[in-house]
Amino acid sequence: MVGKLLKLAVLIAVALIVVIASAQTNGQTPRKQIAGAFSEPATPQQPLYKDYKGVRIGMTAAEVRTKLGQAGMRVDDQEFYVFNDRETAQFAYDTANRVIGISVNYLGGIGAPDYRSVVGPDINVKPDGSMYKMVRYEQLGFWVSFSRTANNSVVMVTITIQKSL
């Protein structure tokens, strides 16, 4: 049953693409423009923020420890570091023991880089003052996010670098 529904969904999607493409070529948009609309950018994106203290996606756990020292705690496929009472980091590893995720927390926002140097000049700011933005670097295989809470008693800034799945 699921297989039949999947085939039906694919057929409907293909039919919609054909209808849209033929409608656009029957009077308004040349085929070259349609084909170019789905091509990759000519130059790869350059991330503003791609590592934390020299640790990047794809490094081994041994390389992380060389950069940062011994982790405070290791649980399954994750290591936790506490640098001081305001800055912590968590590293997630794949089955080959390579970094697939980095998450850094700054209590009170103290020591956190400015969001512009992490995700660029524009960020979503909610009425309560909280902020969030994610930037995907598809060609490089990872994304970066910046998040700031707006809690009046405790502000937390979290920066995450994650391998695209």
Protein backbone atom coordinates (compact mmCIF):
# COMPACT_ATOMS: atom_id res chain seq x y z
CA MET A 1 0.00 0.00 0.00
CA VAL A 2 2.77 2.43 0.98
CA GLY A 3 4.62 1.59 -2.26
CA LYS A 4 1.54 2.41 -4.34
CA LEU A 5 1.05 5.73 -2.52
CA LEU A 6 4.71 6.62 -3.07
CA LYS A 7 4.44 5.85 -6.80
CA LEU A 8 1.28 7.96 -7.02
CA ALA A 9 2.96 10.88 -5.24
CA VAL A 10 5.94 10.70 -7.63
CA LEU A 11 3.63 10.62 -10.66
CA ILE A 12 1.71 13.65 -9.39
CA ALA A 13 4.96 15.56 -8.74
CA VAL A 14 6.26 14.77 -12.25
CA ALA A 15 2.95 15.81 -13.80
CA LEU A 16 3.03 19.13 -11.94
CA ILE A 17 6.58 19.82 -13.11
CA VAL A 18 5.61 19.09 -16.72
CA VAL A 19 2.53 21.34 -16.49
CA ILE A 20 4.48 24.21 -14.93
CA ALA A 21 7.34 23.91 -17.42
CA SER A 22 5.02 23.80 -20.42
CA ALA A 23 2.99 26.76 -19.14
CA GLN A 24 6.14 28.82 -18.72
CA THR A 25 7.54 27.90 -22.14
CA ASN A 26 4.25 28.61 -23.94
CA GLY A 27 4.71 32.30 -23.88
CA GLN A 28 6.71 33.79 -21.08
CA THR A 29 9.93 32.22 -19.85
CA PRO A 30 12.64 30.82 -22.14
CA ARG A 31 13.85 27.29 -21.34
CA LYS A 32 17.38 28.52 -20.56
CA GLN A 33 16.05 30.61 -17.68
CA ILE A 34 14.07 27.68 -16.27
CA ALA A 35 17.08 25.34 -16.49
CA GLY A 36 19.35 27.94 -14.89
CA ALA A 37 16.96 28.50 -11.99
CA PHE A 38 17.82 25.10 -10.53
CA SER A 39 21.59 25.08 -11.07
CA GLU A 40 24.12 25.38 -8.25
CA PRO A 41 25.85 28.72 -7.67
CA ALA A 42 29.10 29.10 -9.62
CA THR A 43 31.15 29.83 -6.50
CA PRO A 44 30.88 27.83 -3.29
CA GLN A 45 29.56 29.58 -0.20
CA GLN A 46 32.21 30.67 2.27
CA PRO A 47 31.05 30.12 5.84
CA LEU A 48 31.59 32.88 8.38
CA TYR A 49 31.86 30.37 11.22
CA LYS A 50 33.21 26.90 10.48
CA ASP A 51 35.06 25.79 13.60
CA TYR A 52 35.14 26.16 17.37
CA LYS A 53 38.62 26.64 18.86
CA GLY A 54 40.06 24.93 15.78
CA VAL A 55 37.70 21.93 15.89
CA ARG A 56 35.80 21.29 12.64
CA ILE A 57 33.27 18.80 11.35
CA GLY A 58 35.06 15.63 10.25
CA MET A 59 37.93 15.75 12.78
CA THR A 60 38.59 12.64 14.87
CA ALA A 61 38.03 12.51 18.61
CA ALA A 62 41.81 12.27 19.06
CA GLU A 63 42.26 15.50 17.06
CA VAL A 64 39.62 17.21 19.23
CA ARG A 65 41.48 16.17 22.38
CA THR A 66 44.75 17.45 20.90
CA LYS A 67 43.11 20.86 20.39
CA LEU A 68 41.06 21.05 23.61
CA GLY A 69 42.52 18.56 26.07
CA GLN A 70 40.72 15.68 27.72
CA ALA A 71 36.91 15.93 27.80
CA GLY A 72 35.19 16.37 31.12
CA MET A 73 32.85 13.51 30.31
CA ARG A 74 32.20 11.06 27.49
CA VAL A 75 28.80 9.40 27.09
CA ASP A 76 28.30 7.02 24.16
CA ASP A 77 29.10 9.04 21.04
CA GLN A 78 29.41 12.47 22.70
CA GLU A 79 32.05 14.36 24.65
CA PHE A 80 31.38 17.27 26.99
CA TYR A 81 33.79 20.07 27.88
CA VAL A 82 33.40 22.71 30.58
CA PHE A 83 35.84 25.54 29.97
CA ASN A 84 34.59 27.78 32.77
CA ASP A 85 31.32 28.53 34.56
CA ARG A 86 29.98 30.36 31.49
CA GLU A 87 31.22 28.32 28.49
CA THR A 88 30.59 24.66 27.67
CA ALA A 89 30.85 22.60 24.50
CA GLN A 90 29.50 19.28 23.32
CA PHE A 91 30.86 17.23 20.41
CA ALA A 92 28.92 14.43 18.73
CA TYR A 93 30.71 11.67 16.80
CA ASP A 94 29.69 9.21 14.12
CA THR A 95 30.53 5.48 14.19
CA ALA A 96 34.00 6.24 12.74
CA ASN A 97 34.59 8.56 15.75
CA ARG A 98 34.58 11.72 13.59
CA VAL A 99 32.89 14.97 14.63
CA ILE A 100 29.39 15.37 13.17
CA GLY A 101 28.12 18.03 15.55
CA ILE A 102 29.46 20.86 17.71
CA SER A 103 27.26 22.75 20.15
CA VAL A 104 28.63 25.56 22.31
CA ASN A 105 26.74 27.31 25.11
CA TYR A 106 27.56 30.71 26.57
CA LEU A 107 25.74 31.41 29.84
CA GLY A 108 24.69 35.05 29.98
CA GLY A 109 25.99 35.44 26.43
CA ILE A 110 29.39 36.25 27.94
CA GLY A 111 32.23 35.32 25.61
CA ALA A 112 29.91 34.49 22.71
CA PRO A 113 30.86 35.86 19.31
CA ASP A 114 28.55 38.46 17.78
CA TYR A 115 25.83 36.82 15.67
CA ARG A 116 27.04 38.75 12.60
CA SER A 117 30.32 36.83 12.66
CA VAL A 118 28.46 33.52 12.92
CA VAL A 119 25.41 33.73 10.62
CA GLY A 120 25.68 37.12 8.89
CA PRO A 121 24.01 40.49 9.32
CA ASP A 122 20.34 39.52 9.26
CA ILE A 123 18.82 37.53 12.11
CA ASN A 124 15.30 36.74 13.25
CA VAL A 125 14.57 38.73 16.40
CA LYS A 126 11.33 37.97 18.22
CA PRO A 127 9.38 40.61 20.16
CA ASP A 128 10.71 39.13 23.43
CA GLY A 129 14.31 39.76 22.28
CA SER A 130 15.24 36.17 21.51
CA MET A 131 17.18 35.57 18.28
CA TYR A 132 17.62 32.66 15.90
CA LYS A 133 19.13 32.01 12.48
CA MET A 134 20.44 28.97 10.62
CA VAL A 135 22.67 29.09 7.54
CA ARG A 136 23.07 26.00 5.37
CA TYR A 137 26.28 25.36 3.43
CA GLU A 138 25.01 22.55 1.22
CA GLN A 139 28.13 22.35 -0.95
CA LEU A 140 30.30 22.03 2.16
CA GLY A 141 27.97 19.54 3.89
CA PHE A 142 27.12 21.38 7.10
CA TRP A 143 24.98 24.10 8.66
CA VAL A 144 25.54 26.70 11.37
CA SER A 145 22.98 28.19 13.75
CA PHE A 146 22.94 30.99 16.31
CA SER A 147 20.34 31.07 19.06
CA ARG A 148 19.89 33.52 21.94
CA THR A 149 17.25 33.14 24.62
CA ALA A 150 15.43 36.15 26.01
CA ASN A 151 14.84 34.93 29.53
CA ASN A 152 15.23 37.91 31.87
CA SER A 153 16.98 35.93 34.57
CA VAL A 154 19.33 33.81 32.42
CA VAL A 155 20.38 34.52 28.83
CA MET A 156 21.89 31.62 26.89
CA VAL A 157 23.64 31.85 23.53
CA THR A 158 24.04 28.57 21.66
CA ILE A 159 26.06 28.15 18.49
CA THR A 160 25.75 24.86 16.63
CA ILE A 161 27.72 23.46 13.71
CA GLN A 162 26.17 20.28 12.36
CA LYS A 163 27.00 17.94 9.51
CA SER A 164 24.16 17.84 6.98
CA LEU A 165 22.40 14.51 6.99
